Amino acid sequence: MSRVHRTSPSPLDQARRRHRVGVAASAKLAGKAARRGLSPDDEKLLTQIMGQEQDFIDSPAFYEKAAEKKIYDEAPDIQKPDTTWYHPVMDDLSTAKGRTVKSAQQVILTGAEEKVLFHQFNYARYRIWKIQQDVGTSAAKKPTADQAEEVLLWYRKADLIREQIAETNLALVLAMAKRTRMSEVDFADLVSEGNMALLRAVDKFDAGRGYKFSTYACRAILKAFSRQGMKLSKYRQRFPTDFDPKLERSNFLETKRSTFEKDAAEEVKRIVLDNRADLTDVERTVIEHRFGLESAEGEKPMTLEQVGQIIGVTKERVRQIQNKAMEKIRLQLEANFLGVKPPEEAPPADGTAPVVTPGSEVVSLN
């Protein structure tokens, strides 16, 4: 059979092209595939296509003599759209409202041009369906190598035309999304639903009825918007509060902080009870009574004045001892949690060695 081209190739060119397709695919795989010139991806795609009956919009033009030549080779060239302007997901609703498509970028198809594209699209799908019927009536129930290549060729041709029709009408989706007042629906989600509805409309549109595709697509897009709104409304009824990632991060930080503080408190208790910070007896007594490390459950920690009465010093002196002990504990805690080595105590400037008395006061020996 002849291949589909914009210009009419000679039979020799057709044969050469058919040969190049098979040879190039085989060379790329560098192997002997089960089907001539088909890659593993092509095999997978072929299985998917043959596993479901191809639908199409029928037309009497498909059964005319030399239908393929009339629909493709003798059809006028149709300008393809420029979609470089289309970035709706990157914009929020307020930005997208102020953005318009330049006339030089937008392609507006006439009714005749739409009919040409849809005839080409549906004829390609018709050819796939016809091969499926031939395979279904064969004894092997599997496509031959030539049939496999032909199915993939027509599938890709239909996909390209479908994409061209959809991209030509992207501005329609964007315009309707702007005009639709659905503040509760995210603008990007609305556009996404509209694009999916547009693709479904391409598959279902019958150009033979004489209507413009934009009229049919608008109804399909509006129905998609309505379904999205109803879906969100039902979701709101079940889940009145949306998930907020910021609150989740805040809760995560608070949980981590609480866990860290609890671990740090336990570590401080172990440092004091095991005397890892080299506290004096007086310092340990002050810390244990001030923070209730060994108090019975429900018993409150002692005040500075109460601790001073136990060790026989003033309230201010108890504060000084407590501060010094807490500094030792802090250095030990940093060494355990952060790996910070406690600084070594420098000797006095006069070269005498420091001596710690039982009252935890440092004096120098001359």
Protein backbone atom coordinates (compact mmCIF):
# COMPACT_ATOMS: atom_id res chain seq x y z
CA MET A 1 0.00 0.00 0.00
CA SER A 2 1.12 3.60 -0.41
CA ARG A 3 2.32 5.67 2.52
CA VAL A 4 0.80 8.99 3.52
CA HIS A 5 2.67 12.17 2.49
CA ARG A 6 1.88 15.80 2.03
CA THR A 7 3.23 15.56 -1.52
CA SER A 8 2.66 12.68 -3.92
CA PRO A 9 5.76 10.42 -3.86
CA SER A 10 6.63 8.05 -6.64
CA PRO A 11 6.18 4.30 -6.12
CA LEU A 12 9.98 3.96 -5.97
CA ASP A 13 10.23 6.56 -3.20
CA GLN A 14 7.46 4.79 -1.31
CA ALA A 15 9.30 1.49 -1.46
CA ARG A 16 12.58 3.08 -0.39
CA ARG A 17 10.94 4.80 2.57
CA ARG A 18 9.27 1.56 3.70
CA HIS A 19 12.65 -0.14 3.57
CA ARG A 20 14.42 2.66 5.54
CA VAL A 21 11.86 2.50 8.37
CA GLY A 22 12.43 -1.21 8.93
CA VAL A 23 16.24 -1.06 8.57
CA ALA A 24 16.67 1.97 10.87
CA ALA A 25 14.65 0.42 13.67
CA SER A 26 16.51 -2.88 13.39
CA ALA A 27 19.90 -1.14 13.45
CA LYS A 28 18.93 0.82 16.53
CA LEU A 29 18.08 -2.34 18.43
CA ALA A 30 21.12 -4.16 17.03
CA GLY A 31 19.21 -7.40 17.25
CA LYS A 32 16.85 -9.72 15.52
CA ALA A 33 13.46 -8.78 16.95
CA ALA A 34 10.42 -10.97 16.64
CA ARG A 35 8.87 -8.38 14.36
CA ARG A 36 10.87 -6.74 11.60
CA GLY A 37 12.15 -3.32 12.67
CA LEU A 38 10.10 -3.02 15.89
CA SER A 39 11.69 -1.90 19.13
CA PRO A 40 10.48 -3.19 22.53
CA ASP A 41 8.56 0.08 22.96
CA ASP A 42 6.91 -0.43 19.56
CA GLU A 43 6.00 -3.98 20.52
CA LYS A 44 4.42 -2.73 23.74
CA LEU A 45 2.52 0.00 21.90
CA LEU A 46 1.35 -2.46 19.28
CA THR A 47 0.02 -4.81 21.97
CA GLN A 48 -1.86 -1.92 23.54
CA ILE A 49 -3.40 -0.85 20.22
CA MET A 50 -4.45 -4.34 19.21
CA GLY A 51 -5.86 -5.08 22.65
CA GLN A 52 -8.72 -2.59 22.27
CA GLU A 53 -10.96 -2.01 19.27
CA GLN A 54 -10.20 1.33 17.66
CA ASP A 55 -13.11 3.76 17.53
CA PHE A 56 -13.53 6.41 14.82
CA ILE A 57 -16.10 8.71 13.27
CA ASP A 58 -17.15 7.07 10.04
CA SER A 59 -17.55 8.95 6.76
CA PRO A 60 -18.59 7.96 3.19
CA ALA A 61 -15.36 9.59 2.00
CA PHE A 62 -13.36 6.71 3.48
CA TYR A 63 -14.85 4.23 1.02
CA GLU A 64 -14.40 6.27 -2.13
CA LYS A 65 -11.88 5.28 -4.76
CA ALA A 66 -8.39 6.61 -3.97
CA ALA A 67 -9.70 7.86 -0.61
CA GLU A 68 -6.23 8.05 0.95
CA LYS A 69 -4.89 10.21 -1.86
CA LYS A 70 -7.87 12.57 -1.72
CA ILE A 71 -7.81 12.93 2.06
CA TYR A 72 -4.05 13.45 2.42
CA ASP A 73 -2.21 14.14 -0.81
CA GLU A 74 -4.81 16.41 -2.42
CA ALA A 75 -5.70 18.24 0.82
CA PRO A 76 -4.50 21.82 1.31
CA ASP A 77 -1.70 22.53 3.76
CA ILE A 78 -3.01 23.81 7.08
CA GLN A 79 -0.94 26.11 9.26
CA LYS A 80 0.24 24.58 12.52
CA PRO A 81 -0.18 26.53 15.77
CA ASP A 82 2.54 28.23 17.80
CA THR A 83 2.20 27.18 21.45
CA THR A 84 5.24 28.95 22.90
CA TRP A 85 2.94 31.44 24.63
CA TYR A 86 1.03 28.75 26.50
CA HIS A 87 2.26 28.39 30.11
CA PRO A 88 -0.90 28.47 32.28
CA VAL A 89 0.46 26.28 35.07
CA MET A 90 3.27 28.77 35.73
CA ASP A 91 0.79 31.61 36.28
CA ASP A 92 -1.74 32.19 38.99
CA LEU A 93 -5.27 33.32 38.23
CA SER A 94 -4.55 37.04 38.57
CA THR A 95 -1.59 36.89 36.16
CA ALA A 96 -3.37 34.71 33.63
CA LYS A 97 -6.34 37.08 33.47
CA GLY A 98 -4.17 39.87 32.12
CA ARG A 99 -2.45 37.76 29.50
CA THR A 100 -3.78 37.48 25.97
CA VAL A 101 -2.70 35.57 22.90
CA LYS A 102 -1.11 37.65 20.20
CA SER A 103 -2.92 37.48 16.88
CA ALA A 104 0.31 36.47 15.16
CA GLN A 105 0.57 33.42 17.44
CA GLN A 106 -3.02 32.21 17.17
CA VAL A 107 -4.24 30.03 14.29
CA ILE A 108 -7.99 30.19 13.60
CA LEU A 109 -9.25 27.37 11.41
CA THR A 110 -12.10 27.75 8.96
CA GLY A 111 -14.86 25.18 8.82
CA ALA A 112 -13.33 23.67 5.69
CA GLU A 113 -9.90 23.36 7.30
CA GLU A 114 -11.39 21.70 10.37
CA LYS A 115 -13.17 19.22 8.14
CA VAL A 116 -9.89 18.36 6.40
CA LEU A 117 -8.07 17.72 9.69
CA PHE A 118 -10.87 15.65 11.21
CA HIS A 119 -11.21 13.58 8.02
CA GLN A 120 -7.47 12.87 8.15
CA PHE A 121 -7.62 12.05 11.86
CA ASN A 122 -10.56 9.69 11.60
CA TYR A 123 -9.34 8.06 8.40
CA ALA A 124 -6.11 7.09 10.18
CA ARG A 125 -8.16 5.58 13.00
CA TYR A 126 -10.37 3.84 10.44
CA ARG A 127 -7.30 2.19 8.89
CA ILE A 128 -6.25 0.90 12.31
CA TRP A 129 -9.75 -0.50 12.85
CA LYS A 130 -9.69 -2.18 9.46
CA ILE A 131 -6.39 -3.92 10.20
CA GLN A 132 -7.77 -5.04 13.55
CA GLN A 133 -10.72 -6.62 11.74
CA ASP A 134 -8.42 -8.39 9.28
CA VAL A 135 -6.25 -9.74 12.09
CA GLY A 136 -9.32 -10.87 14.01
CA THR A 137 -10.49 -13.00 11.06
CA SER A 138 -7.05 -14.47 10.38
CA ALA A 139 -6.00 -17.92 11.57
CA ALA A 140 -3.01 -16.67 13.58
CA LYS A 141 -4.98 -13.90 15.29
CA LYS A 142 -1.76 -11.89 15.28
CA PRO A 143 -0.65 -9.10 12.93
CA THR A 144 2.04 -9.83 10.40
CA ALA A 145 5.19 -7.74 10.27
CA ASP A 146 3.72 -5.53 7.53
CA GLN A 147 0.44 -5.14 9.42
CA ALA A 148 2.30 -4.24 12.61
CA GLU A 149 4.29 -1.51 10.87
CA GLU A 150 1.14 -0.20 9.21
CA VAL A 151 -0.78 -0.05 12.50
CA LEU A 152 2.02 1.92 14.17
CA LEU A 153 2.28 4.26 11.19
CA TRP A 154 -1.43 5.09 11.20
CA TYR A 155 -1.49 5.39 15.00
CA ARG A 156 1.31 7.95 15.02
CA LYS A 157 -0.27 9.87 12.15
CA ALA A 158 -3.60 10.03 14.02
CA ASP A 159 -1.80 11.12 17.20
CA LEU A 160 0.00 13.97 15.40
CA ILE A 161 -3.22 15.27 13.84
CA ARG A 162 -5.03 15.00 17.18
CA GLU A 163 -2.27 17.01 18.80
CA GLN A 164 -2.43 19.65 16.07
CA ILE A 165 -6.19 20.10 16.50
CA ALA A 166 -5.90 20.31 20.29
CA GLU A 167 -3.01 22.79 20.24
CA THR A 168 -4.89 24.98 17.77
CA ASN A 169 -7.72 25.26 20.32
CA LEU A 170 -5.66 25.71 23.51
CA ALA A 171 -6.60 29.38 23.65
CA LEU A 172 -10.24 28.29 23.86
CA VAL A 173 -9.59 26.36 27.08
CA LEU A 174 -7.64 29.24 28.62
CA ALA A 175 -10.30 31.81 27.72
CA MET A 176 -13.12 29.72 29.18
CA ALA A 177 -11.13 29.03 32.33
CA LYS A 178 -10.72 32.78 32.88
CA ARG A 179 -14.43 33.46 32.36
CA THR A 180 -15.58 30.63 34.61
CA ARG A 181 -16.12 31.98 38.13
CA MET A 182 -14.98 29.08 40.31
CA SER A 183 -12.81 30.65 42.96
CA GLU A 184 -12.74 27.45 45.01
CA VAL A 185 -11.08 25.54 42.14
CA ASP A 186 -7.38 26.09 41.49
CA PHE A 187 -6.82 27.76 38.12
CA ALA A 188 -4.21 25.21 37.01
CA ASP A 189 -6.56 22.35 37.89
CA LEU A 190 -9.32 24.04 35.92
CA VAL A 191 -7.11 24.38 32.84
CA SER A 192 -5.97 20.76 33.17
CA GLU A 193 -9.58 19.54 33.23
CA GLY A 194 -10.35 21.72 30.23
CA ASN A 195 -7.43 20.29 28.26
CA MET A 196 -8.54 16.73 28.94
CA ALA A 197 -12.07 17.62 27.87
CA LEU A 198 -10.65 19.18 24.70
CA LEU A 199 -8.85 15.95 23.80
CA ARG A 200 -11.99 13.90 24.38
CA ALA A 201 -13.92 16.33 22.19
CA VAL A 202 -11.42 15.80 19.37
CA ASP A 203 -12.04 12.05 19.58
CA LYS A 204 -15.84 12.39 19.51
CA PHE A 205 -16.42 15.31 17.09
CA ASP A 206 -18.20 14.56 13.82
CA ALA A 207 -17.14 17.15 11.25
CA GLY A 208 -19.67 15.82 8.76
CA ARG A 209 -22.58 17.41 10.64
CA GLY A 210 -21.51 20.89 9.60
CA TYR A 211 -20.90 22.39 13.06
CA LYS A 212 -17.76 24.25 14.11
CA PHE A 213 -15.52 22.30 16.44
CA SER A 214 -15.26 25.24 18.84
CA THR A 215 -19.02 25.04 19.51
CA TYR A 216 -18.82 21.36 20.36
CA ALA A 217 -15.61 21.77 22.40
CA CYS A 218 -17.02 24.65 24.47
CA ARG A 219 -19.88 22.49 25.70
CA ALA A 220 -17.50 19.65 26.56
CA ILE A 221 -15.16 22.00 28.44
CA LEU A 222 -18.00 23.60 30.41
CA LYS A 223 -19.27 20.16 31.42
CA ALA A 224 -15.76 19.28 32.61
CA PHE A 225 -15.59 22.47 34.67
CA SER A 226 -18.99 21.67 36.19
CA ARG A 227 -17.91 18.15 37.10
CA GLN A 228 -14.74 19.49 38.69
CA GLY A 229 -16.78 21.94 40.76
CA MET A 230 -19.19 19.22 41.93
CA LYS A 231 -16.29 16.93 42.79
CA LEU A 232 -14.67 19.66 44.88
CA SER A 233 -18.00 20.46 46.56
CA LYS A 234 -18.42 16.84 47.67
CA TYR A 235 -14.84 16.82 48.90
CA ARG A 236 -15.49 19.98 50.94
CA GLN A 237 -18.46 18.35 52.61
CA ARG A 238 -16.31 15.46 53.78
CA PHE A 239 -13.14 17.44 54.52
CA PRO A 240 -14.03 21.06 55.45
CA THR A 241 -10.39 21.98 56.17
CA ASP A 242 -7.71 21.77 53.53
CA PHE A 243 -4.30 20.32 54.17
CA ASP A 244 -1.81 23.13 54.77
CA PRO A 245 1.84 22.15 54.22
CA LYS A 246 2.98 25.15 56.29
CA LEU A 247 1.07 23.91 59.32
CA GLU A 248 2.47 20.45 58.76
CA ARG A 249 6.02 21.82 58.74
CA SER A 250 5.32 23.88 61.86
CA ASN A 251 3.92 20.87 63.67
CA PHE A 252 6.92 18.84 62.56
CA LEU A 253 9.36 21.42 63.97
CA GLU A 254 7.46 21.63 67.25
CA THR A 255 7.47 17.85 67.56
CA LYS A 256 11.18 17.66 66.84
CA ARG A 257 11.88 20.47 69.32
CA SER A 258 9.80 18.79 72.02
CA THR A 259 11.56 15.48 71.43
CA PHE A 260 14.95 17.16 71.56
CA GLU A 261 14.13 18.99 74.77
CA LYS A 262 12.93 15.76 76.38
CA ASP A 263 16.10 13.93 75.34
CA ALA A 264 18.24 16.84 76.56
CA ALA A 265 16.49 16.87 79.95
CA GLU A 266 17.10 13.14 80.36
CA GLU A 267 20.74 13.61 79.41
CA VAL A 268 21.16 16.43 81.96
CA LYS A 269 19.72 14.17 84.67
CA ARG A 270 22.18 11.41 83.75
CA ILE A 271 25.09 13.86 83.75
CA VAL A 272 24.24 15.03 87.26
CA LEU A 273 23.45 11.64 88.77
CA ASP A 274 26.55 10.02 87.22
CA ASN A 275 28.60 13.18 87.89
CA ARG A 276 29.97 13.24 84.34
CA ALA A 277 30.59 17.01 84.62
CA ASP A 278 32.88 16.64 87.68
CA LEU A 279 30.56 18.57 89.98
CA THR A 280 31.55 19.08 93.60
CA ASP A 281 29.40 17.66 96.35
CA VAL A 282 28.00 21.13 97.04
CA GLU A 283 27.19 21.70 93.35
CA ARG A 284 25.45 18.32 93.03
CA THR A 285 23.39 19.03 96.17
CA VAL A 286 22.29 22.40 94.82
CA ILE A 287 21.34 21.05 91.37
CA GLU A 288 19.52 17.99 92.73
CA HIS A 289 17.40 20.03 95.17
CA ARG A 290 16.84 23.01 92.85
CA PHE A 291 15.54 20.87 89.95
CA GLY A 292 14.06 18.01 91.96
CA LEU A 293 16.14 15.30 90.28
CA GLU A 294 15.66 12.89 93.16
CA SER A 295 12.37 14.25 94.53
CA ALA A 296 9.36 12.03 94.99
CA GLU A 297 6.54 12.26 92.44
CA GLY A 298 4.45 15.38 93.02
CA GLU A 299 7.12 17.03 95.22
CA LYS A 300 8.09 20.54 94.12
CA PRO A 301 11.74 21.60 93.62
CA MET A 302 13.25 23.76 96.38
CA THR A 303 13.80 27.49 96.17
CA LEU A 304 17.21 29.16 96.41
CA GLU A 305 16.51 30.12 100.02
CA GLN A 306 15.50 26.58 101.00
CA VAL A 307 18.64 25.08 99.43
CA GLY A 308 20.74 27.74 101.22
CA GLN A 309 19.33 26.65 104.55
CA ILE A 310 20.38 23.05 103.84
CA ILE A 311 24.03 23.83 102.92
CA GLY A 312 24.35 26.85 105.25
CA VAL A 313 24.92 29.69 102.78
CA THR A 314 22.96 32.69 101.56
CA LYS A 315 20.45 32.68 98.73
CA GLU A 316 22.83 34.68 96.53
CA ARG A 317 25.65 32.19 97.15
CA VAL A 318 23.33 29.32 96.12
CA ARG A 319 22.64 31.17 92.83
CA GLN A 320 26.37 31.49 92.15
CA ILE A 321 26.99 27.79 92.84
CA GLN A 322 24.04 26.86 90.65
CA ASN A 323 25.26 29.01 87.74
CA LYS A 324 28.75 27.51 87.91
CA ALA A 325 27.37 23.97 88.02
CA MET A 326 25.03 24.68 85.10
CA GLU A 327 27.97 25.91 83.03
CA LYS A 328 29.81 22.61 83.65
CA ILE A 329 26.69 20.67 82.72
CA ARG A 330 26.22 22.75 79.55
CA LEU A 331 29.74 22.00 78.35
CA GLN A 332 29.26 18.29 78.99
CA LEU A 333 25.84 18.36 77.24
CA GLU A 334 27.34 20.03 74.16
CA ALA A 335 30.07 17.42 74.11
CA ASN A 336 27.48 14.61 74.16
CA PHE A 337 24.92 16.10 71.70
CA LEU A 338 27.06 18.21 69.38
CA GLY A 339 30.46 16.59 69.74
CA VAL A 340 32.00 19.85 71.03
CA LYS A 341 35.08 19.14 73.12
CA PRO A 342 35.04 20.99 76.49
CA PRO A 343 37.80 23.61 76.65
CA GLU A 344 40.69 22.83 78.97
CA GLU A 345 41.06 25.15 81.94
CA ALA A 346 44.08 27.39 81.46
CA PRO A 347 46.60 27.64 84.34
CA PRO A 348 46.91 30.96 86.16
CA ALA A 349 49.17 33.57 84.69
CA ASP A 350 51.63 33.37 87.61
CA GLY A 351 52.26 29.65 86.92
CA THR A 352 50.75 28.37 90.15
CA ALA A 353 48.43 25.36 90.03
CA PRO A 354 44.76 25.88 90.92
CA VAL A 355 43.38 23.99 93.89
CA VAL A 356 39.68 23.34 94.41
CA THR A 357 38.59 23.52 98.05
CA PRO A 358 35.62 21.58 99.48
CA GLY A 359 33.59 24.80 99.20
CA SER A 360 34.19 24.76 95.45
CA GLU A 361 36.24 27.97 95.58
CA VAL A 362 39.42 28.15 93.50
CA VAL A 363 42.50 29.52 95.25
CA SER A 364 46.06 29.88 94.04
CA LEU A 365 49.09 28.55 95.92
CA ASN A 366 52.03 30.96 95.92
